[in-house]
Amino acid sequence: MIREPAELRVDDSGRVEIPLGLLAEAGISPGTELLAFSDGDGRIVLRRAEDAVRDLLEDGRL
């Protein structure tokens, strides 16, 4: 299902506020530890830290 995008703005400190509804759709709650990385072409990916570590363990990279 394609969701309606949220328009966000980077403030002078480089911070972005992500709406709670968008976080909830992604299964991310306040206090969740995230990893952020650039996926190139203007994209930044956020992953739950626990999911990223689990993926690495399953792939045998850790």
PDB file of N, CA and C in Angstrom:
ATOM      1  N   MET A   1       0.842  -1.183   0.000  1.00  0.00           N
ATOM      2  CA  MET A   1       0.000   0.000   0.000  1.00  0.00           C
ATOM      3  C   MET A   1       0.883   1.240   0.000  1.00  0.00           C
ATOM      4  N   ILE A   2       0.601   2.180  -0.872  1.00  0.00           N
ATOM      5  CA  ILE A   2       1.352   3.431  -0.947  1.00  0.00           C
ATOM      6  C   ILE A   2       0.719   4.443   0.000  1.00  0.00           C
ATOM      7  N   ARG A   3       1.515   4.965   0.899  1.00  0.00           N
ATOM      8  CA  ARG A   3       1.050   5.940   1.881  1.00  0.00           C
ATOM      9  C   ARG A   3       1.264   7.356   1.363  1.00  0.00           C
ATOM     10  N   GLU A   4       0.486   8.270   1.887  1.00  0.00           N
ATOM     11  CA  GLU A   4       0.651   9.691   1.571  1.00  0.00           C
ATOM     12  C   GLU A   4       1.958  10.164   2.202  1.00  0.00           C
ATOM     13  N   PRO A   5       2.845  10.801   1.435  1.00  0.00           N
ATOM     14  CA  PRO A   5       4.110  11.257   2.016  1.00  0.00           C
ATOM     15  C   PRO A   5       3.894  12.431   2.972  1.00  0.00           C
ATOM     16  N   ALA A   6       4.763  12.533   3.944  1.00  0.00           N
ATOM     17  CA  ALA A   6       4.751  13.658   4.872  1.00  0.00           C
ATOM     18  C   ALA A   6       5.833  14.636   4.427  1.00  0.00           C
ATOM     19  N   GLU A   7       5.504  15.909   4.361  1.00  0.00           N
ATOM     20  CA  GLU A   7       6.504  16.916   4.017  1.00  0.00           C
ATOM     21  C   GLU A   7       7.224  17.348   5.280  1.00  0.00           C
ATOM     22  N   LEU A   8       8.538  17.223   5.275  1.00  0.00           N
ATOM     23  CA  LEU A   8       9.372  17.551   6.427  1.00  0.00           C
ATOM     24  C   LEU A   8      10.393  18.597   6.024  1.00  0.00           C
ATOM     25  N   ARG A   9      10.933  19.275   7.013  1.00  0.00           N
ATOM     26  CA  ARG A   9      11.950  20.288   6.749  1.00  0.00           C
ATOM     27  C   ARG A   9      13.114  20.078   7.712  1.00  0.00           C
ATOM     28  N   VAL A  10      14.317  20.182   7.177  1.00  0.00           N
ATOM     29  CA  VAL A  10      15.524  20.114   7.995  1.00  0.00           C
ATOM     30  C   VAL A  10      15.732  21.493   8.611  1.00  0.00           C
ATOM     31  N   ASP A  11      15.865  21.543   9.951  1.00  0.00           N
ATOM     32  CA  ASP A  11      16.052  22.843  10.592  1.00  0.00           C
ATOM     33  C   ASP A  11      17.525  23.264  10.551  1.00  0.00           C
ATOM     34  N   ASP A  12      17.828  24.430  11.107  1.00  0.00           N
ATOM     35  CA  ASP A  12      19.188  24.975  11.066  1.00  0.00           C
ATOM     36  C   ASP A  12      20.199  24.105  11.804  1.00  0.00           C
ATOM     37  N   SER A  13      19.718  23.238  12.704  1.00  0.00           N
ATOM     38  CA  SER A  13      20.600  22.330  13.439  1.00  0.00           C
ATOM     39  C   SER A  13      20.749  20.985  12.738  1.00  0.00           C
ATOM     40  N   GLY A  14      20.091  20.827  11.582  1.00  0.00           N
ATOM     41  CA  GLY A  14      20.157  19.565  10.855  1.00  0.00           C
ATOM     42  C   GLY A  14      19.169  18.533  11.358  1.00  0.00           C
ATOM     43  N   ARG A  15      18.194  18.961  12.131  1.00  0.00           N
ATOM     44  CA  ARG A  15      17.217  18.038  12.709  1.00  0.00           C
ATOM     45  C   ARG A  15      15.942  18.003  11.884  1.00  0.00           C
ATOM     46  N   VAL A  16      15.303  16.835  11.922  1.00  0.00           N
ATOM     47  CA  VAL A  16      14.032  16.626  11.243  1.00  0.00           C
ATOM     48  C   VAL A  16      13.085  15.969  12.229  1.00  0.00           C
ATOM     49  N   GLU A  17      11.864  16.495  12.327  1.00  0.00           N
ATOM     50  CA  GLU A  17      10.844  15.862  13.162  1.00  0.00           C
ATOM     51  C   GLU A  17      10.008  14.944  12.284  1.00  0.00           C
ATOM     52  N   ILE A  18       9.901  13.682  12.699  1.00  0.00           N
ATOM     53  CA  ILE A  18       9.116  12.705  11.954  1.00  0.00           C
ATOM     54  C   ILE A  18       7.773  12.547  12.662  1.00  0.00           C
ATOM     55  N   PRO A  19       6.670  12.717  11.950  1.00  0.00           N
ATOM     56  CA  PRO A  19       5.352  12.613  12.582  1.00  0.00           C
ATOM     57  C   PRO A  19       5.135  11.239  13.241  1.00  0.00           C
ATOM     58  N   LEU A  20       4.488  11.239  14.402  1.00  0.00           N
ATOM     59  CA  LEU A  20       4.245   9.991  15.126  1.00  0.00           C
ATOM     60  C   LEU A  20       3.468   8.974  14.294  1.00  0.00           C
ATOM     61  N   GLY A  21       2.526   9.452  13.474  1.00  0.00           N
ATOM     62  CA  GLY A  21       1.761   8.534  12.635  1.00  0.00           C
ATOM     63  C   GLY A  21       2.649   7.783  11.656  1.00  0.00           C
ATOM     64  N   LEU A  22       3.617   8.473  11.086  1.00  0.00           N
ATOM     65  CA  LEU A  22       4.548   7.845  10.158  1.00  0.00           C
ATOM     66  C   LEU A  22       5.424   6.825  10.880  1.00  0.00           C
ATOM     67  N   LEU A  23       5.879   7.193  12.073  1.00  0.00           N
ATOM     68  CA  LEU A  23       6.672   6.258  12.873  1.00  0.00           C
ATOM     69  C   LEU A  23       5.850   5.017  13.237  1.00  0.00           C
ATOM     70  N   ALA A  24       4.608   5.229  13.629  1.00  0.00           N
ATOM     71  CA  ALA A  24       3.742   4.110  14.004  1.00  0.00           C
ATOM     72  C   ALA A  24       3.532   3.168  12.824  1.00  0.00           C
ATOM     73  N   GLU A  25       3.332   3.724  11.617  1.00  0.00           N
ATOM     74  CA  GLU A  25       3.167   2.883  10.425  1.00  0.00           C
ATOM     75  C   GLU A  25       4.392   2.014  10.179  1.00  0.00           C
ATOM     76  N   ALA A  26       5.565   2.538  10.539  1.00  0.00           N
ATOM     77  CA  ALA A  26       6.814   1.807  10.341  1.00  0.00           C
ATOM     78  C   ALA A  26       7.135   0.891  11.519  1.00  0.00           C
ATOM     79  N   GLY A  27       6.284   0.903  12.544  1.00  0.00           N
ATOM     80  CA  GLY A  27       6.536   0.058  13.712  1.00  0.00           C
ATOM     81  C   GLY A  27       7.620   0.595  14.623  1.00  0.00           C
ATOM     82  N   ILE A  28       7.799   1.914  14.598  1.00  0.00           N
ATOM     83  CA  ILE A  28       8.824   2.564  15.425  1.00  0.00           C
ATOM     84  C   ILE A  28       8.129   3.406  16.478  1.00  0.00           C
ATOM     85  N   SER A  29       8.477   3.182  17.734  1.00  0.00           N
ATOM     86  CA  SER A  29       7.874   3.925  18.831  1.00  0.00           C
ATOM     87  C   SER A  29       8.919   4.850  19.466  1.00  0.00           C
ATOM     88  N   PRO A  30       8.470   5.887  20.190  1.00  0.00           N
ATOM     89  CA  PRO A  30       9.419   6.776  20.857  1.00  0.00           C
ATOM     90  C   PRO A  30      10.373   5.967  21.745  1.00  0.00           C
ATOM     91  N   GLY A  31      11.641   6.311  21.682  1.00  0.00           N
ATOM     92  CA  GLY A  31      12.661   5.616  22.460  1.00  0.00           C
ATOM     93  C   GLY A  31      13.355   4.489  21.705  1.00  0.00           C
ATOM     94  N   THR A  32      12.850   4.128  20.528  1.00  0.00           N
ATOM     95  CA  THR A  32      13.471   3.075  19.737  1.00  0.00           C
ATOM     96  C   THR A  32      14.823   3.549  19.219  1.00  0.00           C
ATOM     97  N   GLU A  33      15.839   2.690  19.340  1.00  0.00           N
ATOM     98  CA  GLU A  33      17.155   3.023  18.806  1.00  0.00           C
ATOM     99  C   GLU A  33      17.162   2.734  17.313  1.00  0.00           C
ATOM    100  N   LEU A  34      17.646   3.711  16.540  1.00  0.00           N
ATOM    101  CA  LEU A  34      17.663   3.596  15.088  1.00  0.00           C
ATOM    102  C   LEU A  34      19.079   3.746  14.555  1.00  0.00           C
ATOM    103  N   LEU A  35      19.309   3.149  13.394  1.00  0.00           N
ATOM    104  CA  LEU A  35      20.522   3.391  12.620  1.00  0.00           C
ATOM    105  C   LEU A  35      20.090   4.158  11.380  1.00  0.00           C
ATOM    106  N   ALA A  36      20.878   5.143  10.975  1.00  0.00           N
ATOM    107  CA  ALA A  36      20.572   5.929   9.789  1.00  0.00           C
ATOM    108  C   ALA A  36      21.743   5.826   8.829  1.00  0.00           C
ATOM    109  N   PHE A  37      21.433   5.653   7.544  1.00  0.00           N
ATOM    110  CA  PHE A  37      22.478   5.652   6.544  1.00  0.00           C
ATOM    111  C   PHE A  37      21.941   6.217   5.239  1.00  0.00           C
ATOM    112  N   SER A  38      22.859   6.741   4.434  1.00  0.00           N
ATOM    113  CA  SER A  38      22.493   7.299   3.140  1.00  0.00           C
ATOM    114  C   SER A  38      22.346   6.163   2.139  1.00  0.00           C
ATOM    115  N   ASP A  39      21.287   6.224   1.360  1.00  0.00           N
ATOM    116  CA  ASP A  39      21.061   5.257   0.288  1.00  0.00           C
ATOM    117  C   ASP A  39      21.283   5.940  -1.057  1.00  0.00           C
ATOM    118  N   GLY A  40      21.965   7.087  -1.029  1.00  0.00           N
ATOM    119  CA  GLY A  40      22.261   7.831  -2.238  1.00  0.00           C
ATOM    120  C   GLY A  40      21.029   8.508  -2.814  1.00  0.00           C
ATOM    121  N   ASP A  41      21.250   9.339  -3.811  1.00  0.00           N
ATOM    122  CA  ASP A  41      20.178   9.984  -4.562  1.00  0.00           C
ATOM    123  C   ASP A  41      19.140  10.667  -3.675  1.00  0.00           C
ATOM    124  N   GLY A  42      19.595  11.323  -2.600  1.00  0.00           N
ATOM    125  CA  GLY A  42      18.681  12.079  -1.747  1.00  0.00           C
ATOM    126  C   GLY A  42      17.895  11.245  -0.768  1.00  0.00           C
ATOM    127  N   ARG A  43      18.271   9.990  -0.569  1.00  0.00           N
ATOM    128  CA  ARG A  43      17.530   9.114   0.355  1.00  0.00           C
ATOM    129  C   ARG A  43      18.333   8.833   1.613  1.00  0.00           C
ATOM    130  N   ILE A  44      17.640   8.858   2.734  1.00  0.00           N
ATOM    131  CA  ILE A  44      18.202   8.441   4.018  1.00  0.00           C
ATOM    132  C   ILE A  44      17.307   7.333   4.542  1.00  0.00           C
ATOM    133  N   VAL A  45      17.924   6.236   4.940  1.00  0.00           N
ATOM    134  CA  VAL A  45      17.186   5.077   5.440  1.00  0.00           C
ATOM    135  C   VAL A  45      17.348   5.002   6.951  1.00  0.00           C
ATOM    136  N   LEU A  46      16.229   4.789   7.646  1.00  0.00           N
ATOM    137  CA  LEU A  46      16.251   4.556   9.087  1.00  0.00           C
ATOM    138  C   LEU A  46      15.882   3.098   9.323  1.00  0.00           C
ATOM    139  N   ARG A  47      16.661   2.408  10.157  1.00  0.00           N
ATOM    140  CA  ARG A  47      16.357   1.026  10.512  1.00  0.00           C
ATOM    141  C   ARG A  47      16.393   0.896  12.023  1.00  0.00           C
ATOM    142  N   ARG A  48      15.496   0.078  12.573  1.00  0.00           N
ATOM    143  CA  ARG A  48      15.608  -0.237  13.995  1.00  0.00           C
ATOM    144  C   ARG A  48      16.944  -0.932  14.189  1.00  0.00           C
ATOM    145  N   ALA A  49      17.705  -0.524  15.193  1.00  0.00           N
ATOM    146  CA  ALA A  49      19.027  -1.101  15.440  1.00  0.00           C
ATOM    147  C   ALA A  49      18.919  -2.613  15.630  1.00  0.00           C
ATOM    148  N   GLU A  50      17.910  -3.079  16.347  1.00  0.00           N
ATOM    149  CA  GLU A  50      17.769  -4.517  16.600  1.00  0.00           C
ATOM    150  C   GLU A  50      17.537  -5.288  15.303  1.00  0.00           C
ATOM    151  N   ASP A  51      16.807  -4.712  14.351  1.00  0.00           N
ATOM    152  CA  ASP A  51      16.568  -5.376  13.072  1.00  0.00           C
ATOM    153  C   ASP A  51      17.851  -5.452  12.251  1.00  0.00           C
ATOM    154  N   ALA A  52      18.618  -4.382  12.241  1.00  0.00           N
ATOM    155  CA  ALA A  52      19.862  -4.357  11.477  1.00  0.00           C
ATOM    156  C   ALA A  52      20.848  -5.378  12.024  1.00  0.00           C
ATOM    157  N   VAL A  53      20.973  -5.467  13.338  1.00  0.00           N
ATOM    158  CA  VAL A  53      21.887  -6.431  13.954  1.00  0.00           C
ATOM    159  C   VAL A  53      21.413  -7.849  13.661  1.00  0.00           C
ATOM    160  N   ARG A  54      20.113  -8.097  13.772  1.00  0.00           N
ATOM    161  CA  ARG A  54      19.582  -9.438  13.488  1.00  0.00           C
ATOM    162  C   ARG A  54      19.869  -9.838  12.039  1.00  0.00           C
ATOM    163  N   ASP A  55      19.686  -8.902  11.096  1.00  0.00           N
ATOM    164  CA  ASP A  55      19.972  -9.192   9.691  1.00  0.00           C
ATOM    165  C   ASP A  55      21.440  -9.554   9.490  1.00  0.00           C
ATOM    166  N   LEU A  56      22.329  -8.829  10.146  1.00  0.00           N
ATOM    167  CA  LEU A  56      23.753  -9.129  10.036  1.00  0.00           C
ATOM    168  C   LEU A  56      24.081 -10.503  10.610  1.00  0.00           C
ATOM    169  N   LEU A  57      23.471 -10.852  11.730  1.00  0.00           N
ATOM    170  CA  LEU A  57      23.692 -12.167  12.336  1.00  0.00           C
ATOM    171  C   LEU A  57      23.182 -13.282  11.429  1.00  0.00           C
ATOM    172  N   GLU A  58      22.020 -13.084  10.830  1.00  0.00           N
ATOM    173  CA  GLU A  58      21.450 -14.099   9.937  1.00  0.00           C
ATOM    174  C   GLU A  58      22.273 -14.264   8.674  1.00  0.00           C
ATOM    175  N   ASP A  59      22.887 -13.186   8.209  1.00  0.00           N
ATOM    176  CA  ASP A  59      23.724 -13.243   7.003  1.00  0.00           C
ATOM    177  C   ASP A  59      25.131 -13.735   7.308  1.00  0.00           C
ATOM    178  N   GLY A  60      25.460 -13.919   8.590  1.00  0.00           N
ATOM    179  CA  GLY A  60      26.784 -14.375   8.982  1.00  0.00           C
ATOM    180  C   GLY A  60      27.855 -13.304   8.921  1.00  0.00           C
ATOM    181  N   ARG A  61      27.439 -12.049   8.870  1.00  0.00           N
ATOM    182  CA  ARG A  61      28.419 -10.955   8.794  1.00  0.00           C
ATOM    183  C   ARG A  61      28.864 -10.472  10.166  1.00  0.00           C
ATOM    184  N   LEU A  62      28.279 -10.997  11.222  1.00  0.00           N
ATOM    185  CA  LEU A  62      28.697 -10.609  12.584  1.00  0.00           C
ATOM    186  C   LEU A  62      29.079 -11.825  13.361  1.00  0.00           C
TER     187      LEU A  62
END
